[in-house]
Amino acid sequence: MNDSARRAPVFSHESAASILGLPLLETPAQVHCLLPISSSGGRNEYGVRRHNPIPGDPLPWCVDGLLTTPLVETARDLAATGTFAQGLTAMDRLLLPKLFPGIPLGLLSAIRDEEVLDSLAKLGSGSQRGRVKRSLEFADIRSGSPGESWSRAIMLQHGFPTPELQLPFHDNRGLIGYPDFDWEEFKLLGEFDGYEKYSAQRFLDGLTPSQVVVAEKNRENRLRALGYNVVRWVWDDLRTPERLIRLLHDAGLPSR
């Protein structure tokens, strides 16, 4: 057995994200880990992708007995090597001042933009640094879910106006809710419908799925009564972006 096989692996990229709780938009096809510092050149074999460590990166974290690249570096690597949607989703969650279940509290602190900038400066590739900077530039902690981050990435890539996120709406009956996207100039609201709200117990709040559907319909009717059009989409519309683009255009939202 060679020396590298005897060492505990340091998981990175999508594999580290799975351990740390950073959201992934697709199921990883490979296990990602770092090569020992004494090695050279990334290798890809037997479903394992090995990456060269980034000089100057901090020591790995130990989470549930597994070694991973730290949280900031993991999000940076996702943005540097993945799609813009994946990078934006990771940055939205990274900067959100909310605990990551499973990560020891002693490892966590509020993440600031400056920490990400310091981390991305260590990347040797200018194109990768640019990809991380772009994800960081458009990151927004108001994004309520990975699906909303992915939606926003598609909007940005295809020249749609930048929406406001999660603004409160009221009528004479009180608070209606917080629509995911608001294009006030066009009196248009957008809602990403993840299936979880109709099935997962933590979202049902004691209601049946059919009761949640009725409540959503009543909420939408109240928004329409204020003069807004409401457009909705689901995961499949993100996996085929042309569908979301068509939905937004059909709802009257222009793009460049």
Protein backbone atom coordinates (compact mmCIF):
# COMPACT_ATOMS: atom_id res chain seq x y z
CA MET A 1 0.00 0.00 0.00
CA ASN A 2 1.51 3.36 -0.96
CA ASP A 3 1.86 6.27 1.47
CA SER A 4 -1.03 8.31 0.01
CA ALA A 5 -3.42 5.38 0.48
CA ARG A 6 -2.54 5.18 4.19
CA ARG A 7 -3.31 8.86 4.81
CA ALA A 8 -6.77 10.03 5.71
CA PRO A 9 -8.15 11.83 2.63
CA VAL A 10 -8.90 15.54 2.72
CA PHE A 11 -12.22 15.95 0.91
CA SER A 12 -12.66 19.00 -1.31
CA HIS A 13 -15.03 20.60 -3.82
CA GLU A 14 -18.43 18.83 -4.05
CA SER A 15 -17.40 16.15 -1.54
CA ALA A 16 -16.43 18.73 1.08
CA ALA A 17 -19.61 20.67 0.36
CA SER A 18 -21.68 17.54 1.08
CA ILE A 19 -19.98 17.15 4.46
CA LEU A 20 -20.11 20.84 5.41
CA GLY A 21 -23.68 21.52 4.30
CA LEU A 22 -23.07 23.79 1.32
CA PRO A 23 -25.91 23.19 -1.17
CA LEU A 24 -25.18 21.33 -4.40
CA LEU A 25 -27.37 21.61 -7.48
CA GLU A 26 -26.48 18.19 -8.89
CA THR A 27 -25.49 14.86 -7.41
CA PRO A 28 -21.67 14.61 -7.68
CA ALA A 29 -20.42 11.99 -10.10
CA GLN A 30 -17.01 11.74 -8.41
CA VAL A 31 -15.40 11.90 -4.99
CA HIS A 32 -13.10 14.93 -4.73
CA CYS A 33 -10.08 15.06 -2.46
CA LEU A 34 -6.69 16.75 -2.23
CA LEU A 35 -3.42 15.16 -3.20
CA PRO A 36 -0.70 15.00 -0.55
CA ILE A 37 1.49 18.10 -0.73
CA SER A 38 4.45 16.01 -1.89
CA SER A 39 2.53 14.81 -4.96
CA SER A 40 2.17 16.63 -8.26
CA GLY A 41 -0.60 16.78 -10.83
CA GLY A 42 -4.29 16.07 -10.35
CA ARG A 43 -5.49 12.57 -11.12
CA ASN A 44 -8.86 11.17 -11.99
CA GLU A 45 -9.38 7.43 -11.59
CA TYR A 46 -11.86 4.93 -10.16
CA GLY A 47 -14.44 7.64 -9.51
CA VAL A 48 -12.03 9.75 -7.47
CA ARG A 49 -10.80 13.17 -8.60
CA ARG A 50 -7.62 14.32 -6.85
CA HIS A 51 -6.72 18.01 -6.81
CA ASN A 52 -3.50 19.82 -6.02
CA PRO A 53 -3.67 21.76 -2.73
CA ILE A 54 -3.73 25.56 -3.07
CA PRO A 55 -0.56 27.07 -1.57
CA GLY A 56 -1.36 29.16 1.48
CA ASP A 57 -4.76 27.59 2.20
CA PRO A 58 -5.54 26.95 5.89
CA LEU A 59 -5.35 23.52 7.46
CA PRO A 60 -8.25 21.11 6.86
CA TRP A 61 -11.23 21.00 9.19
CA CYS A 62 -12.28 17.82 10.95
CA VAL A 63 -16.05 17.37 10.77
CA ASP A 64 -17.65 14.15 12.05
CA GLY A 65 -14.27 12.49 11.85
CA LEU A 66 -13.69 13.48 8.21
CA LEU A 67 -11.09 15.94 6.96
CA THR A 68 -12.36 18.61 4.57
CA THR A 69 -11.21 21.85 3.06
CA PRO A 70 -12.54 24.72 5.24
CA LEU A 71 -15.88 26.33 4.48
CA VAL A 72 -14.63 29.44 2.66
CA GLU A 73 -12.18 27.45 0.55
CA THR A 74 -14.83 24.88 -0.32
CA ALA A 75 -17.26 27.57 -1.54
CA ARG A 76 -14.41 29.24 -3.43
CA ASP A 77 -13.51 25.98 -5.17
CA LEU A 78 -17.14 25.34 -6.15
CA ALA A 79 -17.37 28.80 -7.69
CA ALA A 80 -13.96 28.49 -9.38
CA THR A 81 -14.60 25.14 -11.08
CA GLY A 82 -18.40 24.78 -11.26
CA THR A 83 -21.18 26.56 -13.09
CA PHE A 84 -22.14 30.13 -12.28
CA ALA A 85 -25.38 28.80 -10.78
CA GLN A 86 -23.45 26.48 -8.46
CA GLY A 87 -21.01 29.23 -7.49
CA LEU A 88 -23.77 31.72 -6.74
CA THR A 89 -25.71 29.14 -4.72
CA ALA A 90 -22.63 28.37 -2.63
CA MET A 91 -21.84 32.05 -2.04
CA ASP A 92 -25.43 32.90 -1.11
CA ARG A 93 -25.33 30.22 1.60
CA LEU A 94 -21.75 30.91 2.69
CA LEU A 95 -22.46 34.55 3.54
CA LEU A 96 -25.81 33.85 5.19
CA PRO A 97 -25.43 34.40 8.97
CA LYS A 98 -26.99 31.04 9.81
CA LEU A 99 -25.45 27.97 11.41
CA PHE A 100 -24.35 24.98 9.37
CA PRO A 101 -25.71 21.83 11.07
CA GLY A 102 -22.91 19.39 11.76
CA ILE A 103 -20.04 21.89 11.77
CA PRO A 104 -18.58 22.34 15.28
CA LEU A 105 -19.31 25.82 16.60
CA GLY A 106 -15.64 26.40 17.32
CA LEU A 107 -14.90 26.32 13.60
CA LEU A 108 -17.59 28.79 12.63
CA SER A 109 -17.74 32.57 12.59
CA ALA A 110 -19.60 35.09 10.46
CA ILE A 111 -18.12 34.99 6.96
CA ARG A 112 -17.26 38.34 5.38
CA ASP A 113 -16.61 39.20 1.73
CA GLU A 114 -13.01 40.04 2.62
CA GLU A 115 -12.34 36.46 3.68
CA VAL A 116 -13.54 35.17 0.32
CA LEU A 117 -11.42 37.75 -1.51
CA ASP A 118 -8.36 36.73 0.49
CA SER A 119 -9.04 33.08 -0.33
CA LEU A 120 -9.63 33.57 -4.06
CA ALA A 121 -6.42 35.61 -4.36
CA LYS A 122 -4.51 32.35 -3.76
CA LEU A 123 -5.87 30.79 -6.96
CA GLY A 124 -3.27 30.57 -9.70
CA SER A 125 -5.78 30.89 -12.55
CA GLY A 126 -7.04 34.35 -13.50
CA SER A 127 -10.17 32.92 -15.06
CA GLN A 128 -10.97 31.04 -11.86
CA ARG A 129 -10.43 34.15 -9.77
CA GLY A 130 -12.83 35.99 -12.07
CA ARG A 131 -15.50 33.32 -11.70
CA VAL A 132 -15.30 33.47 -7.92
CA LYS A 133 -15.40 37.28 -7.93
CA ARG A 134 -18.51 37.24 -10.11
CA SER A 135 -20.29 34.79 -7.82
CA LEU A 136 -19.32 36.91 -4.81
CA GLU A 137 -20.42 40.14 -6.52
CA PHE A 138 -23.96 38.86 -7.10
CA ALA A 139 -24.32 36.88 -3.85
CA ASP A 140 -27.35 37.89 -1.77
CA ILE A 141 -28.08 36.54 1.69
CA ARG A 142 -31.80 37.20 1.16
CA SER A 143 -31.97 34.25 -1.24
CA GLY A 144 -34.25 31.77 0.48
CA SER A 145 -33.17 28.45 -1.04
CA PRO A 146 -30.80 26.83 -3.54
CA GLY A 147 -33.60 26.86 -6.11
CA GLU A 148 -33.97 30.61 -5.74
CA SER A 149 -30.21 31.08 -6.13
CA TRP A 150 -30.22 28.93 -9.27
CA SER A 151 -33.19 30.92 -10.60
CA ARG A 152 -31.35 34.19 -10.05
CA ALA A 153 -28.26 32.87 -11.81
CA ILE A 154 -30.33 32.12 -14.91
CA MET A 155 -31.90 35.58 -14.75
CA LEU A 156 -28.49 37.25 -14.49
CA GLN A 157 -27.01 35.20 -17.31
CA HIS A 158 -29.88 36.06 -19.65
CA GLY A 159 -30.16 39.77 -19.00
CA PHE A 160 -33.34 40.01 -16.95
CA PRO A 161 -33.82 42.96 -14.58
CA THR A 162 -32.45 42.36 -11.09
CA PRO A 163 -35.32 41.50 -8.73
CA GLU A 164 -35.77 42.47 -5.13
CA LEU A 165 -35.85 39.43 -2.84
CA GLN A 166 -38.17 38.41 -0.01
CA LEU A 167 -39.91 41.78 0.50
CA PRO A 168 -42.96 41.79 2.82
CA PHE A 169 -46.38 42.35 1.24
CA HIS A 170 -49.47 43.49 3.16
CA ASP A 171 -53.12 44.15 2.44
CA ASN A 172 -55.98 45.27 4.68
CA ARG A 173 -56.00 41.81 6.25
CA GLY A 174 -52.37 42.06 7.31
CA LEU A 175 -49.20 40.34 6.16
CA ILE A 176 -49.59 38.30 2.99
CA GLY A 177 -46.07 36.93 2.83
CA TYR A 178 -42.63 37.35 1.33
CA PRO A 179 -42.57 36.58 -2.40
CA ASP A 180 -39.27 35.19 -3.64
CA PHE A 181 -38.79 37.77 -6.41
CA ASP A 182 -40.26 41.24 -6.98
CA TRP A 183 -39.95 43.30 -10.16
CA GLU A 184 -41.83 46.34 -8.93
CA GLU A 185 -41.51 48.28 -12.20
CA PHE A 186 -43.38 45.51 -14.00
CA LYS A 187 -45.80 44.69 -11.15
CA LEU A 188 -44.54 41.12 -11.39
CA LEU A 189 -43.78 38.68 -8.59
CA GLY A 190 -41.91 35.40 -9.03
CA GLU A 191 -42.17 32.28 -6.90
CA PHE A 192 -39.92 29.24 -7.03
CA ASP A 193 -41.91 26.20 -5.92
CA GLY A 194 -39.67 23.59 -4.35
CA TYR A 195 -41.58 20.38 -3.75
CA GLU A 196 -40.43 20.40 -0.12
CA LYS A 197 -43.05 22.93 0.94
CA TYR A 198 -45.76 20.44 -0.05
CA SER A 199 -44.15 17.35 1.48
CA ALA A 200 -41.49 17.99 4.15
CA GLN A 201 -42.92 18.14 7.67
CA ARG A 202 -40.81 21.14 8.66
CA PHE A 203 -42.54 23.20 5.96
CA LEU A 204 -46.06 21.81 6.39
CA ASP A 205 -46.32 23.28 9.92
CA GLY A 206 -49.00 20.78 10.90
CA LEU A 207 -51.04 21.20 7.70
CA THR A 208 -51.77 18.56 5.08
CA PRO A 209 -50.24 19.03 1.60
CA SER A 210 -53.68 19.89 0.18
CA GLN A 211 -54.16 22.56 2.85
CA VAL A 212 -50.78 24.06 1.94
CA VAL A 213 -51.81 24.18 -1.74
CA VAL A 214 -55.04 26.00 -0.82
CA ALA A 215 -53.15 28.44 1.42
CA GLU A 216 -50.70 29.18 -1.40
CA LYS A 217 -53.58 29.83 -3.81
CA ASN A 218 -55.26 32.20 -1.34
CA ARG A 219 -51.96 34.01 -0.82
CA GLU A 220 -51.52 34.39 -4.57
CA ASN A 221 -55.08 35.73 -4.96
CA ARG A 222 -54.35 38.40 -2.34
CA LEU A 223 -51.21 39.45 -4.22
CA ARG A 224 -53.11 39.61 -7.50
CA ALA A 225 -55.75 41.78 -5.80
CA LEU A 226 -52.97 44.31 -5.15
CA GLY A 227 -52.38 44.53 -8.89
CA TYR A 228 -49.50 42.09 -9.26
CA ASN A 229 -49.07 39.27 -11.72
CA VAL A 230 -47.53 36.13 -10.21
CA VAL A 231 -45.39 33.67 -12.16
CA ARG A 232 -44.31 30.32 -10.70
CA TRP A 233 -41.73 27.72 -11.68
CA VAL A 234 -40.27 24.43 -10.40
CA TRP A 235 -36.99 22.49 -10.45
CA ASP A 236 -37.53 21.15 -13.97
CA ASP A 237 -37.72 24.72 -15.28
CA LEU A 238 -34.23 25.34 -13.87
CA ARG A 239 -32.73 22.16 -15.30
CA THR A 240 -33.97 23.36 -18.72
CA PRO A 241 -33.34 27.13 -18.45
CA GLU A 242 -35.19 27.89 -21.68
CA ARG A 243 -38.41 27.01 -19.84
CA LEU A 244 -37.82 29.60 -17.11
CA ILE A 245 -36.81 32.18 -19.71
CA ARG A 246 -40.03 31.58 -21.62
CA LEU A 247 -42.14 31.77 -18.44
CA LEU A 248 -40.62 35.14 -17.53
CA HIS A 249 -41.04 36.51 -21.04
CA ASP A 250 -44.64 35.32 -21.19
CA ALA A 251 -45.26 37.10 -17.89
CA GLY A 252 -44.08 40.37 -19.44
CA LEU A 253 -40.52 40.59 -18.12
CA PRO A 254 -38.05 41.88 -20.74
CA SER A 255 -34.45 40.81 -21.12
CA ARG A 256 -31.45 42.22 -22.91
